């Protein structure tokens, strides 16, 4: 039986905010985890955390996977200062239920490693539940005209026509077989599912949910088979990648620009490879750029030096996407 898929999350584009005051190397912020006081490293704070109302009494919380030398044994989800959910390590989302309508809630997530050590909390995210619908017993109509396409061997994209409801659709639940694996906001009509197995047949369906928690019948079943073997990740790679150099204060810097990969979630981490080796990682806090991203870093003081550079993104499900096209630059040359 195919394993349950990991899914990237939806988030509306928001104003760009930088982690630690600026786009930074992973080593300079909390991404690698804090010291536990005994020479060990605590798990890092989960990144890419989002929260969206699923109904008048529930909120769907999602986050990126965290890695640790001791392994991750699970996650803890907090509403304010109160722990409300324990989540197994393989799961990076949860529905927080029994909430009050028309109320704003604050959520954070912490990772726990295999040694039982609890890492720092993620950034706080807020979600406001809609007003309860009085005596609403009418479910939305099923989503219509569901479609899907395969993105290489490990991802698919789903889309559907909007449902209608007498009080309004609050969210859509995405099911893999009989299991709910994701929720997106009521204004979303697409999602990207990642973390799939190569050469495997999957069945997906979508249900609409209103503020009262009424759920529609499923829309069309979409059956897709991922490509066999492994692929180059082209469908999850940054595109329109450009690289140039400039000179400042007696040294050369490389300037990168790219379009983030096409997912319906927030990509908050990238890894830059220089001359075939990892050179630096960068992490965005808050809202990462959705349309165009840029970054510069130090190369050295010598002119006439040629470098090869490419970049890849850590997808919202915690896996690395494919590499961008590789670019070649030479310090001190026009256009380089």
C-alpha atoms as a PDB file:
ATOM      1  CA  UNK A   1       0.000   0.000   0.000  1.00  0.00           C
ATOM      2  CA  UNK A   2       1.478   3.409  -0.882  1.00  0.00           C
ATOM      3  CA  UNK A   3       2.729   5.326   2.099  1.00  0.00           C
ATOM      4  CA  UNK A   4       1.047   8.498   3.137  1.00  0.00           C
ATOM      5  CA  UNK A   5       2.405  11.475   1.288  1.00  0.00           C
ATOM      6  CA  UNK A   6       4.055  14.492   2.746  1.00  0.00           C
ATOM      7  CA  UNK A   7       2.415  17.676   1.559  1.00  0.00           C
ATOM      8  CA  UNK A   8       3.494  21.249   1.137  1.00  0.00           C
ATOM      9  CA  UNK A   9       1.292  23.885   2.608  1.00  0.00           C
ATOM     10  CA  UNK A  10      -0.533  26.880   1.199  1.00  0.00           C
ATOM     11  CA  UNK A  11       0.167  30.393   2.301  1.00  0.00           C
ATOM     12  CA  UNK A  12      -0.802  33.747   0.925  1.00  0.00           C
ATOM     13  CA  UNK A  13       2.092  35.938  -0.233  1.00  0.00           C
ATOM     14  CA  UNK A  14       3.028  38.317   2.562  1.00  0.00           C
ATOM     15  CA  UNK A  15       5.493  41.132   3.126  1.00  0.00           C
ATOM     16  CA  UNK A  16       9.112  39.970   3.046  1.00  0.00           C
ATOM     17  CA  UNK A  17      10.694  39.676   6.511  1.00  0.00           C
ATOM     18  CA  UNK A  18      14.274  38.607   7.128  1.00  0.00           C
ATOM     19  CA  UNK A  19      15.493  36.195   9.775  1.00  0.00           C
ATOM     20  CA  UNK A  20      17.820  37.698  12.425  1.00  0.00           C
ATOM     21  CA  UNK A  21      17.350  41.078  10.747  1.00  0.00           C
ATOM     22  CA  UNK A  22      18.762  39.928   7.430  1.00  0.00           C
ATOM     23  CA  UNK A  23      18.973  36.976   5.139  1.00  0.00           C
ATOM     24  CA  UNK A  24      21.564  34.913   6.944  1.00  0.00           C
ATOM     25  CA  UNK A  25      23.759  31.870   6.904  1.00  0.00           C
ATOM     26  CA  UNK A  26      22.146  28.961   8.708  1.00  0.00           C
ATOM     27  CA  UNK A  27      25.060  28.846  11.123  1.00  0.00           C
ATOM     28  CA  UNK A  28      24.445  32.417  12.263  1.00  0.00           C
ATOM     29  CA  UNK A  29      20.867  31.836  13.430  1.00  0.00           C
ATOM     30  CA  UNK A  30      18.936  29.138  15.246  1.00  0.00           C
ATOM     31  CA  UNK A  31      18.479  26.751  12.337  1.00  0.00           C
ATOM     32  CA  UNK A  32      21.113  24.303  13.545  1.00  0.00           C
ATOM     33  CA  UNK A  33      19.711  24.193  17.038  1.00  0.00           C
ATOM     34  CA  UNK A  34      20.903  25.745  20.279  1.00  0.00           C
ATOM     35  CA  UNK A  35      23.479  24.257  22.641  1.00  0.00           C
ATOM     36  CA  UNK A  36      21.876  22.176  25.404  1.00  0.00           C
ATOM     37  CA  UNK A  37      24.447  23.344  27.949  1.00  0.00           C
ATOM     38  CA  UNK A  38      26.234  19.999  27.915  1.00  0.00           C
ATOM     39  CA  UNK A  39      27.984  20.313  24.577  1.00  0.00           C
ATOM     40  CA  UNK A  40      25.144  18.812  22.544  1.00  0.00           C
ATOM     41  CA  UNK A  41      22.865  20.416  20.013  1.00  0.00           C
ATOM     42  CA  UNK A  42      19.148  20.761  20.589  1.00  0.00           C
ATOM     43  CA  UNK A  43      16.831  20.287  17.604  1.00  0.00           C
ATOM     44  CA  UNK A  44      16.329  23.444  15.572  1.00  0.00           C
ATOM     45  CA  UNK A  45      13.144  25.468  15.720  1.00  0.00           C
ATOM     46  CA  UNK A  46      10.772  24.273  12.969  1.00  0.00           C
ATOM     47  CA  UNK A  47      10.580  26.648  10.020  1.00  0.00           C
ATOM     48  CA  UNK A  48       7.877  27.420   7.501  1.00  0.00           C
ATOM     49  CA  UNK A  49       5.113  27.290  10.114  1.00  0.00           C
ATOM     50  CA  UNK A  50       1.656  28.317   8.897  1.00  0.00           C
ATOM     51  CA  UNK A  51      -1.798  28.247  10.454  1.00  0.00           C
ATOM     52  CA  UNK A  52      -5.141  28.570   8.685  1.00  0.00           C
ATOM     53  CA  UNK A  53      -8.690  28.205   9.938  1.00  0.00           C
ATOM     54  CA  UNK A  54     -10.327  24.961   8.860  1.00  0.00           C
ATOM     55  CA  UNK A  55     -13.721  25.813  10.332  1.00  0.00           C
ATOM     56  CA  UNK A  56     -15.198  28.010  13.059  1.00  0.00           C
ATOM     57  CA  UNK A  57     -13.748  25.634  15.649  1.00  0.00           C
ATOM     58  CA  UNK A  58     -10.520  24.289  14.101  1.00  0.00           C
ATOM     59  CA  UNK A  59      -7.172  25.492  12.744  1.00  0.00           C
ATOM     60  CA  UNK A  60      -4.801  23.567  10.459  1.00  0.00           C
ATOM     61  CA  UNK A  61      -1.124  24.001  11.468  1.00  0.00           C
ATOM     62  CA  UNK A  62       1.784  22.909   9.250  1.00  0.00           C
ATOM     63  CA  UNK A  63       5.585  23.187   9.424  1.00  0.00           C
ATOM     64  CA  UNK A  64       8.814  22.040   7.762  1.00  0.00           C
ATOM     65  CA  UNK A  65      10.582  18.895   8.904  1.00  0.00           C
ATOM     66  CA  UNK A  66      13.552  19.327  11.259  1.00  0.00           C
ATOM     67  CA  UNK A  67      16.734  17.255  11.124  1.00  0.00           C
ATOM     68  CA  UNK A  68      18.937  16.354  14.097  1.00  0.00           C
ATOM     69  CA  UNK A  69      22.022  14.225  14.676  1.00  0.00           C
ATOM     70  CA  UNK A  70      20.016  12.312  17.304  1.00  0.00           C
ATOM     71  CA  UNK A  71      16.988  11.985  15.028  1.00  0.00           C
ATOM     72  CA  UNK A  72      13.578  13.567  15.553  1.00  0.00           C
ATOM     73  CA  UNK A  73      11.097  11.614  17.687  1.00  0.00           C
ATOM     74  CA  UNK A  74       8.174  14.018  17.411  1.00  0.00           C
ATOM     75  CA  UNK A  75       6.805  17.546  17.547  1.00  0.00           C
ATOM     76  CA  UNK A  76       4.833  19.486  20.137  1.00  0.00           C
ATOM     77  CA  UNK A  77       2.234  22.037  19.049  1.00  0.00           C
ATOM     78  CA  UNK A  78       1.360  24.904  21.386  1.00  0.00           C
ATOM     79  CA  UNK A  79      -1.621  27.243  21.486  1.00  0.00           C
ATOM     80  CA  UNK A  80      -0.188  30.218  23.306  1.00  0.00           C
ATOM     81  CA  UNK A  81       1.791  28.641  26.137  1.00  0.00           C
ATOM     82  CA  UNK A  82      -0.375  25.511  26.313  1.00  0.00           C
ATOM     83  CA  UNK A  83       0.687  22.315  24.593  1.00  0.00           C
ATOM     84  CA  UNK A  84      -2.303  21.039  22.624  1.00  0.00           C
ATOM     85  CA  UNK A  85      -0.886  18.276  20.415  1.00  0.00           C
ATOM     86  CA  UNK A  86       1.890  15.682  20.314  1.00  0.00           C
ATOM     87  CA  UNK A  87       2.687  14.760  16.720  1.00  0.00           C
ATOM     88  CA  UNK A  88       4.858  11.858  15.484  1.00  0.00           C
ATOM     89  CA  UNK A  89       8.082  12.654  13.646  1.00  0.00           C
ATOM     90  CA  UNK A  90       6.775  11.580  10.235  1.00  0.00           C
ATOM     91  CA  UNK A  91       3.883  14.050  10.434  1.00  0.00           C
ATOM     92  CA  UNK A  92       4.331  17.770   9.808  1.00  0.00           C
ATOM     93  CA  UNK A  93       0.769  18.997  10.173  1.00  0.00           C
ATOM     94  CA  UNK A  94      -2.143  18.757  12.580  1.00  0.00           C
ATOM     95  CA  UNK A  95      -5.716  19.987  13.024  1.00  0.00           C
ATOM     96  CA  UNK A  96      -6.204  21.786  16.337  1.00  0.00           C
ATOM     97  CA  UNK A  97      -9.880  21.418  17.235  1.00  0.00           C
ATOM     98  CA  UNK A  98     -12.352  22.479  19.948  1.00  0.00           C
ATOM     99  CA  UNK A  99     -11.617  26.154  19.381  1.00  0.00           C
ATOM    100  CA  UNK A 100     -13.998  29.090  19.688  1.00  0.00           C
ATOM    101  CA  UNK A 101     -15.481  30.928  16.684  1.00  0.00           C
ATOM    102  CA  UNK A 102     -14.380  34.475  15.839  1.00  0.00           C
ATOM    103  CA  UNK A 103     -11.210  34.108  17.900  1.00  0.00           C
ATOM    104  CA  UNK A 104      -7.550  34.747  17.084  1.00  0.00           C
ATOM    105  CA  UNK A 105      -5.125  32.068  18.246  1.00  0.00           C
ATOM    106  CA  UNK A 106      -1.312  31.971  18.345  1.00  0.00           C
ATOM    107  CA  UNK A 107       0.538  28.728  17.591  1.00  0.00           C
ATOM    108  CA  UNK A 108       4.150  27.584  17.858  1.00  0.00           C
ATOM    109  CA  UNK A 109       5.840  24.222  17.219  1.00  0.00           C
ATOM    110  CA  UNK A 110       8.828  22.581  18.939  1.00  0.00           C
ATOM    111  CA  UNK A 111      10.822  19.526  17.816  1.00  0.00           C
ATOM    112  CA  UNK A 112      11.912  16.736  20.185  1.00  0.00           C
ATOM    113  CA  UNK A 113      14.938  14.598  19.309  1.00  0.00           C
ATOM    114  CA  UNK A 114      15.608  10.915  19.858  1.00  0.00           C
ATOM    115  CA  UNK A 115      17.301  11.669  23.189  1.00  0.00           C
ATOM    116  CA  UNK A 116      14.180  13.419  24.462  1.00  0.00           C
ATOM    117  CA  UNK A 117      15.615  16.925  24.202  1.00  0.00           C
ATOM    118  CA  UNK A 118      13.131  19.622  23.234  1.00  0.00           C
ATOM    119  CA  UNK A 119      14.270  22.354  20.857  1.00  0.00           C
ATOM    120  CA  UNK A 120      13.242  26.023  20.876  1.00  0.00           C
ATOM    121  CA  UNK A 121       9.836  27.119  19.699  1.00  0.00           C
ATOM    122  CA  UNK A 122       9.184  28.184  16.141  1.00  0.00           C
ATOM    123  CA  UNK A 123       8.120  31.698  15.283  1.00  0.00           C
ATOM    124  CA  UNK A 124       4.563  32.377  16.403  1.00  0.00           C
ATOM    125  CA  UNK A 125       1.830  32.273  13.766  1.00  0.00           C
ATOM    126  CA  UNK A 126      -1.732  33.536  14.127  1.00  0.00           C
ATOM    127  CA  UNK A 127      -5.032  32.306  12.746  1.00  0.00           C
ATOM    128  CA  UNK A 128      -8.530  33.662  13.285  1.00  0.00           C
ATOM    129  CA  UNK A 129     -11.490  31.313  13.232  1.00  0.00           C
ATOM    130  CA  UNK A 130     -14.549  32.586  11.342  1.00  0.00           C
ATOM    131  CA  UNK A 131     -17.895  33.275  12.976  1.00  0.00           C
ATOM    132  CA  UNK A 132     -20.073  30.268  13.637  1.00  0.00           C
ATOM    133  CA  UNK A 133     -22.966  29.791  11.256  1.00  0.00           C
ATOM    134  CA  UNK A 134     -26.254  29.624  13.112  1.00  0.00           C
ATOM    135  CA  UNK A 135     -28.167  26.404  12.489  1.00  0.00           C
ATOM    136  CA  UNK A 136     -26.162  25.644   9.356  1.00  0.00           C
ATOM    137  CA  UNK A 137     -26.647  22.031   8.359  1.00  0.00           C
ATOM    138  CA  UNK A 138     -26.020  22.438   4.627  1.00  0.00           C
ATOM    139  CA  UNK A 139     -22.726  21.110   3.311  1.00  0.00           C
ATOM    140  CA  UNK A 140     -20.919  22.787   0.396  1.00  0.00           C
ATOM    141  CA  UNK A 141     -21.232  21.331  -3.057  1.00  0.00           C
ATOM    142  CA  UNK A 142     -18.469  18.917  -4.091  1.00  0.00           C
ATOM    143  CA  UNK A 143     -15.445  20.486  -5.780  1.00  0.00           C
ATOM    144  CA  UNK A 144     -15.810  20.147  -9.524  1.00  0.00           C
ATOM    145  CA  UNK A 145     -13.545  19.306 -12.439  1.00  0.00           C
ATOM    146  CA  UNK A 146     -10.652  17.947 -10.397  1.00  0.00           C
ATOM    147  CA  UNK A 147      -7.412  17.495 -12.318  1.00  0.00           C
ATOM    148  CA  UNK A 148      -3.848  16.494 -11.608  1.00  0.00           C
ATOM    149  CA  UNK A 149      -0.450  16.262 -13.196  1.00  0.00           C
ATOM    150  CA  UNK A 150       2.706  14.385 -12.259  1.00  0.00           C
ATOM    151  CA  UNK A 151       5.814  16.399 -11.401  1.00  0.00           C
ATOM    152  CA  UNK A 152       8.621  13.885 -11.875  1.00  0.00           C
ATOM    153  CA  UNK A 153       8.848  10.856  -9.601  1.00  0.00           C
ATOM    154  CA  UNK A 154       8.049  12.386  -6.223  1.00  0.00           C
ATOM    155  CA  UNK A 155       5.362  15.057  -6.578  1.00  0.00           C
ATOM    156  CA  UNK A 156       1.997  15.819  -8.167  1.00  0.00           C
ATOM    157  CA  UNK A 157      -0.065  18.968  -8.590  1.00  0.00           C
ATOM    158  CA  UNK A 158      -3.819  18.915  -7.978  1.00  0.00           C
ATOM    159  CA  UNK A 159      -6.402  21.515  -9.009  1.00  0.00           C
ATOM    160  CA  UNK A 160     -10.173  21.740  -8.830  1.00  0.00           C
ATOM    161  CA  UNK A 161     -13.104  24.060  -9.439  1.00  0.00           C
ATOM    162  CA  UNK A 162     -14.429  25.985  -6.456  1.00  0.00           C
ATOM    163  CA  UNK A 163     -17.326  24.641  -4.415  1.00  0.00           C
ATOM    164  CA  UNK A 164     -20.334  26.751  -3.454  1.00  0.00           C
ATOM    165  CA  UNK A 165     -21.981  27.101  -0.057  1.00  0.00           C
ATOM    166  CA  UNK A 166     -24.807  29.234   1.307  1.00  0.00           C
ATOM    167  CA  UNK A 167     -22.478  30.635   3.992  1.00  0.00           C
ATOM    168  CA  UNK A 168     -19.137  30.343   2.191  1.00  0.00           C
ATOM    169  CA  UNK A 169     -16.362  27.744   1.884  1.00  0.00           C
ATOM    170  CA  UNK A 170     -13.692  28.065   4.598  1.00  0.00           C
ATOM    171  CA  UNK A 171     -11.264  25.342   3.521  1.00  0.00           C
ATOM    172  CA  UNK A 172     -10.635  22.329   1.295  1.00  0.00           C
ATOM    173  CA  UNK A 173      -9.488  18.958   2.655  1.00  0.00           C
ATOM    174  CA  UNK A 174      -7.218  16.875   0.411  1.00  0.00           C
ATOM    175  CA  UNK A 175      -7.425  13.108   0.812  1.00  0.00           C
ATOM    176  CA  UNK A 176      -5.033  10.405  -0.331  1.00  0.00           C
ATOM    177  CA  UNK A 177      -7.281   7.392  -0.546  1.00  0.00           C
ATOM    178  CA  UNK A 178      -9.395   7.553   2.602  1.00  0.00           C
ATOM    179  CA  UNK A 179      -6.855   9.576   4.614  1.00  0.00           C
ATOM    180  CA  UNK A 180      -6.907  13.342   4.955  1.00  0.00           C
ATOM    181  CA  UNK A 181      -3.385  14.594   4.284  1.00  0.00           C
ATOM    182  CA  UNK A 182      -3.744  18.363   3.917  1.00  0.00           C
ATOM    183  CA  UNK A 183      -6.007  21.415   4.098  1.00  0.00           C
ATOM    184  CA  UNK A 184      -5.870  24.660   2.140  1.00  0.00           C
ATOM    185  CA  UNK A 185      -7.848  27.864   2.502  1.00  0.00           C
ATOM    186  CA  UNK A 186     -11.246  28.317   0.930  1.00  0.00           C
ATOM    187  CA  UNK A 187      -9.811  30.731  -1.627  1.00  0.00           C
ATOM    188  CA  UNK A 188      -7.325  28.113  -2.874  1.00  0.00           C
ATOM    189  CA  UNK A 189      -8.105  25.740  -5.732  1.00  0.00           C
ATOM    190  CA  UNK A 190      -4.725  24.018  -6.128  1.00  0.00           C
ATOM    191  CA  UNK A 191      -2.122  22.157  -4.074  1.00  0.00           C
ATOM    192  CA  UNK A 192       1.213  20.420  -4.642  1.00  0.00           C
ATOM    193  CA  UNK A 193       1.732  17.048  -2.971  1.00  0.00           C
ATOM    194  CA  UNK A 194       5.367  16.024  -2.442  1.00  0.00           C
ATOM    195  CA  UNK A 195       7.224  13.206  -0.709  1.00  0.00           C
ATOM    196  CA  UNK A 196       5.738  10.515  -2.962  1.00  0.00           C
ATOM    197  CA  UNK A 197       7.355   7.272  -4.065  1.00  0.00           C
ATOM    198  CA  UNK A 198       8.652   6.819  -7.626  1.00  0.00           C
ATOM    199  CA  UNK A 199       6.609   4.607  -9.921  1.00  0.00           C
ATOM    200  CA  UNK A 200       3.624   4.456  -7.545  1.00  0.00           C
ATOM    201  CA  UNK A 201      -0.071   4.874  -8.286  1.00  0.00           C
ATOM    202  CA  UNK A 202      -1.995   7.284  -6.035  1.00  0.00           C
ATOM    203  CA  UNK A 203      -5.625   8.338  -5.713  1.00  0.00           C
ATOM    204  CA  UNK A 204      -6.552  11.821  -4.503  1.00  0.00           C
ATOM    205  CA  UNK A 205      -9.832  13.606  -3.836  1.00  0.00           C
ATOM    206  CA  UNK A 206     -10.890  16.968  -2.419  1.00  0.00           C
ATOM    207  CA  UNK A 207     -13.752  17.908  -0.063  1.00  0.00           C
ATOM    208  CA  UNK A 208     -14.998  21.411   0.790  1.00  0.00           C
ATOM    209  CA  UNK A 209     -15.685  22.506   4.384  1.00  0.00           C
ATOM    210  CA  UNK A 210     -17.753  25.442   5.670  1.00  0.00           C
ATOM    211  CA  UNK A 211     -17.494  27.418   8.929  1.00  0.00           C
ATOM    212  CA  UNK A 212     -19.914  25.083  10.691  1.00  0.00           C
ATOM    213  CA  UNK A 213     -17.694  22.108   9.876  1.00  0.00           C
ATOM    214  CA  UNK A 214     -20.061  20.669   7.278  1.00  0.00           C
ATOM    215  CA  UNK A 215     -18.028  18.695   4.740  1.00  0.00           C
ATOM    216  CA  UNK A 216     -19.027  18.154   1.130  1.00  0.00           C
ATOM    217  CA  UNK A 217     -18.990  14.829  -0.673  1.00  0.00           C
ATOM    218  CA  UNK A 218     -15.650  14.232  -2.423  1.00  0.00           C
ATOM    219  CA  UNK A 219     -14.998  15.690  -5.824  1.00  0.00           C
ATOM    220  CA  UNK A 220     -13.663  13.636  -8.711  1.00  0.00           C
ATOM    221  CA  UNK A 221     -11.050  11.019  -7.852  1.00  0.00           C
ATOM    222  CA  UNK A 222      -7.738  11.889  -9.478  1.00  0.00           C
ATOM    223  CA  UNK A 223      -5.507   8.863 -10.150  1.00  0.00           C
ATOM    224  CA  UNK A 224      -1.875   9.558 -10.941  1.00  0.00           C
ATOM    225  CA  UNK A 225       1.238   7.407 -11.241  1.00  0.00           C
ATOM    226  CA  UNK A 226       4.556   9.022 -10.408  1.00  0.00           C
ATOM    227  CA  UNK A 227       7.424   8.609 -12.869  1.00  0.00           C
ATOM    228  CA  UNK A 228       9.620   5.529 -12.342  1.00  0.00           C
ATOM    229  CA  UNK A 229      13.035   5.694 -10.737  1.00  0.00           C
ATOM    230  CA  UNK A 230      14.552   8.904  -9.491  1.00  0.00           C
ATOM    231  CA  UNK A 231      14.509  12.147 -11.435  1.00  0.00           C
ATOM    232  CA  UNK A 232      16.606  15.269 -11.521  1.00  0.00           C
ATOM    233  CA  UNK A 233      13.978  17.160  -9.516  1.00  0.00           C
ATOM    234  CA  UNK A 234      13.424  19.590 -12.344  1.00  0.00           C
ATOM    235  CA  UNK A 235       9.820  20.141 -11.333  1.00  0.00           C
ATOM    236  CA  UNK A 236      10.885  21.328  -7.872  1.00  0.00           C
ATOM    237  CA  UNK A 237      13.980  23.325  -8.885  1.00  0.00           C
ATOM    238  CA  UNK A 238      14.357  27.121  -8.772  1.00  0.00           C
ATOM    239  CA  UNK A 239      13.988  28.626 -12.250  1.00  0.00           C
ATOM    240  CA  UNK A 240      15.246  31.721 -14.086  1.00  0.00           C
ATOM    241  CA  UNK A 241      18.513  31.376 -12.187  1.00  0.00           C
ATOM    242  CA  UNK A 242      21.067  34.113 -12.880  1.00  0.00           C
ATOM    243  CA  UNK A 243      24.573  34.693 -11.502  1.00  0.00           C
ATOM    244  CA  UNK A 244      26.875  37.704 -11.873  1.00  0.00           C
ATOM    245  CA  UNK A 245      29.739  39.206  -9.854  1.00  0.00           C
ATOM    246  CA  UNK A 246      30.547  42.678  -8.647  1.00  0.00           C
ATOM    247  CA  UNK A 247      33.544  44.299  -6.926  1.00  0.00           C
ATOM    248  CA  UNK A 248      33.229  46.263  -3.695  1.00  0.00           C
ATOM    249  CA  UNK A 249      35.817  47.346  -1.120  1.00  0.00           C
ATOM    250  CA  UNK A 250      38.593  45.489  -2.921  1.00  0.00           C
ATOM    251  CA  UNK A 251      36.821  42.131  -3.103  1.00  0.00           C
ATOM    252  CA  UNK A 252      34.477  40.252  -5.428  1.00  0.00           C
ATOM    253  CA  UNK A 253      30.955  39.140  -4.584  1.00  0.00           C
ATOM    254  CA  UNK A 254      28.626  36.806  -6.461  1.00  0.00           C
ATOM    255  CA  UNK A 255      25.058  38.005  -7.007  1.00  0.00           C
ATOM    256  CA  UNK A 256      22.337  35.385  -7.437  1.00  0.00           C
ATOM    257  CA  UNK A 257      18.719  35.801  -8.507  1.00  0.00           C
ATOM    258  CA  UNK A 258      16.059  33.157  -9.104  1.00  0.00           C
ATOM    259  CA  UNK A 259      12.371  32.344  -9.136  1.00  0.00           C
ATOM    260  CA  UNK A 260      11.365  30.067  -6.227  1.00  0.00           C
ATOM    261  CA  UNK A 261      10.072  26.606  -7.187  1.00  0.00           C
ATOM    262  CA  UNK A 262       6.370  26.351  -7.964  1.00  0.00           C
ATOM    263  CA  UNK A 263       4.753  24.953  -4.862  1.00  0.00           C
ATOM    264  CA  UNK A 264       1.676  26.175  -3.051  1.00  0.00           C
ATOM    265  CA  UNK A 265       3.719  26.517   0.124  1.00  0.00           C
ATOM    266  CA  UNK A 266       6.417  28.745   1.540  1.00  0.00           C
ATOM    267  CA  UNK A 267      10.035  27.913   0.662  1.00  0.00           C
ATOM    268  CA  UNK A 268      12.159  29.295   3.484  1.00  0.00           C
ATOM    269  CA  UNK A 269      15.565  27.652   2.957  1.00  0.00           C
ATOM    270  CA  UNK A 270      18.015  27.394   0.058  1.00  0.00           C
ATOM    271  CA  UNK A 271      21.429  25.796  -0.376  1.00  0.00           C
ATOM    272  CA  UNK A 272      24.047  27.273  -2.722  1.00  0.00           C
ATOM    273  CA  UNK A 273      26.603  24.972  -4.345  1.00  0.00           C
ATOM    274  CA  UNK A 274      29.830  26.535  -5.593  1.00  0.00           C
ATOM    275  CA  UNK A 275      32.170  24.518  -7.804  1.00  0.00           C
ATOM    276  CA  UNK A 276      30.308  21.320  -7.005  1.00  0.00           C
ATOM    277  CA  UNK A 277      30.277  21.696  -3.212  1.00  0.00           C
ATOM    278  CA  UNK A 278      27.870  23.280  -0.707  1.00  0.00           C
ATOM    279  CA  UNK A 279      29.042  26.843  -0.116  1.00  0.00           C
ATOM    280  CA  UNK A 280      26.339  28.383   2.044  1.00  0.00           C
ATOM    281  CA  UNK A 281      22.772  27.914   3.201  1.00  0.00           C
ATOM    282  CA  UNK A 282      20.335  30.730   3.673  1.00  0.00           C
ATOM    283  CA  UNK A 283      17.075  30.901   5.577  1.00  0.00           C
ATOM    284  CA  UNK A 284      14.210  33.358   5.397  1.00  0.00           C
ATOM    285  CA  UNK A 285      12.183  34.106   8.503  1.00  0.00           C
ATOM    286  CA  UNK A 286       8.587  35.244   8.316  1.00  0.00           C
ATOM    287  CA  UNK A 287       7.429  35.460   4.727  1.00  0.00           C
ATOM    288  CA  UNK A 288       9.888  34.368   2.055  1.00  0.00           C
ATOM    289  CA  UNK A 289       9.744  35.825  -1.481  1.00  0.00           C
ATOM    290  CA  UNK A 290       7.281  34.076  -3.751  1.00  0.00           C
ATOM    291  CA  UNK A 291       8.072  35.564  -7.186  1.00  0.00           C
ATOM    292  CA  UNK A 292      11.758  36.544  -7.245  1.00  0.00           C
ATOM    293  CA  UNK A 293      14.583  36.035  -4.747  1.00  0.00           C
ATOM    294  CA  UNK A 294      18.135  37.380  -4.625  1.00  0.00           C
ATOM    295  CA  UNK A 295      21.280  36.849  -2.560  1.00  0.00           C
ATOM    296  CA  UNK A 296      24.939  37.930  -2.605  1.00  0.00           C
ATOM    297  CA  UNK A 297      27.983  36.486  -0.876  1.00  0.00           C
ATOM    298  CA  UNK A 298      31.752  36.984  -0.720  1.00  0.00           C
ATOM    299  CA  UNK A 299      34.051  35.263  -3.246  1.00  0.00           C
ATOM    300  CA  UNK A 300      37.526  36.707  -2.631  1.00  0.00           C
ATOM    301  CA  UNK A 301      39.931  39.358  -3.867  1.00  0.00           C
ATOM    302  CA  UNK A 302      41.379  37.694  -6.983  1.00  0.00           C
ATOM    303  CA  UNK A 303      40.224  38.572 -10.481  1.00  0.00           C
ATOM    304  CA  UNK A 304      40.088  36.101 -13.359  1.00  0.00           C
ATOM    305  CA  UNK A 305      38.778  33.258 -11.146  1.00  0.00           C
ATOM    306  CA  UNK A 306      36.002  31.125 -12.664  1.00  0.00           C
ATOM    307  CA  UNK A 307      33.281  29.566 -10.555  1.00  0.00           C
ATOM    308  CA  UNK A 308      30.303  27.287 -11.205  1.00  0.00           C
ATOM    309  CA  UNK A 309      27.207  27.927  -9.116  1.00  0.00           C
ATOM    310  CA  UNK A 310      23.741  26.423  -8.698  1.00  0.00           C
ATOM    311  CA  UNK A 311      21.021  26.478  -6.024  1.00  0.00           C
ATOM    312  CA  UNK A 312      18.318  24.228  -4.627  1.00  0.00           C
ATOM    313  CA  UNK A 313      15.404  24.719  -2.225  1.00  0.00           C
ATOM    314  CA  UNK A 314      14.310  22.810   0.830  1.00  0.00           C
ATOM    315  CA  UNK A 315      10.655  22.116   0.075  1.00  0.00           C
ATOM    316  CA  UNK A 316       7.985  22.758   2.718  1.00  0.00           C
ATOM    317  CA  UNK A 317       7.789  19.008   3.458  1.00  0.00           C
ATOM    318  CA  UNK A 318      11.463  19.075   4.531  1.00  0.00           C
ATOM    319  CA  UNK A 319      12.978  17.371   1.467  1.00  0.00           C
ATOM    320  CA  UNK A 320      15.449  18.993  -0.927  1.00  0.00           C
ATOM    321  CA  UNK A 321      14.140  19.922  -4.348  1.00  0.00           C
ATOM    322  CA  UNK A 322      16.067  19.683  -7.596  1.00  0.00           C
ATOM    323  CA  UNK A 323      19.029  21.872  -8.518  1.00  0.00           C
ATOM    324  CA  UNK A 324      18.653  24.924 -10.709  1.00  0.00           C
ATOM    325  CA  UNK A 325      20.582  25.214 -13.943  1.00  0.00           C
ATOM    326  CA  UNK A 326      24.303  25.697 -13.302  1.00  0.00           C
ATOM    327  CA  UNK A 327      25.810  29.070 -14.167  1.00  0.00           C
ATOM    328  CA  UNK A 328      29.478  29.990 -14.715  1.00  0.00           C
ATOM    329  CA  UNK A 329      30.961  33.343 -13.687  1.00  0.00           C
ATOM    330  CA  UNK A 330      34.474  34.785 -13.795  1.00  0.00           C
ATOM    331  CA  UNK A 331      35.539  37.546 -11.435  1.00  0.00           C
ATOM    332  CA  UNK A 332      36.621  40.787 -13.067  1.00  0.00           C
ATOM    333  CA  UNK A 333      35.064  40.111 -16.492  1.00  0.00           C
ATOM    334  CA  UNK A 334      32.163  42.013 -18.069  1.00  0.00           C
ATOM    335  CA  UNK A 335      28.918  40.280 -17.181  1.00  0.00           C
ATOM    336  CA  UNK A 336      30.794  37.995 -14.784  1.00  0.00           C
END
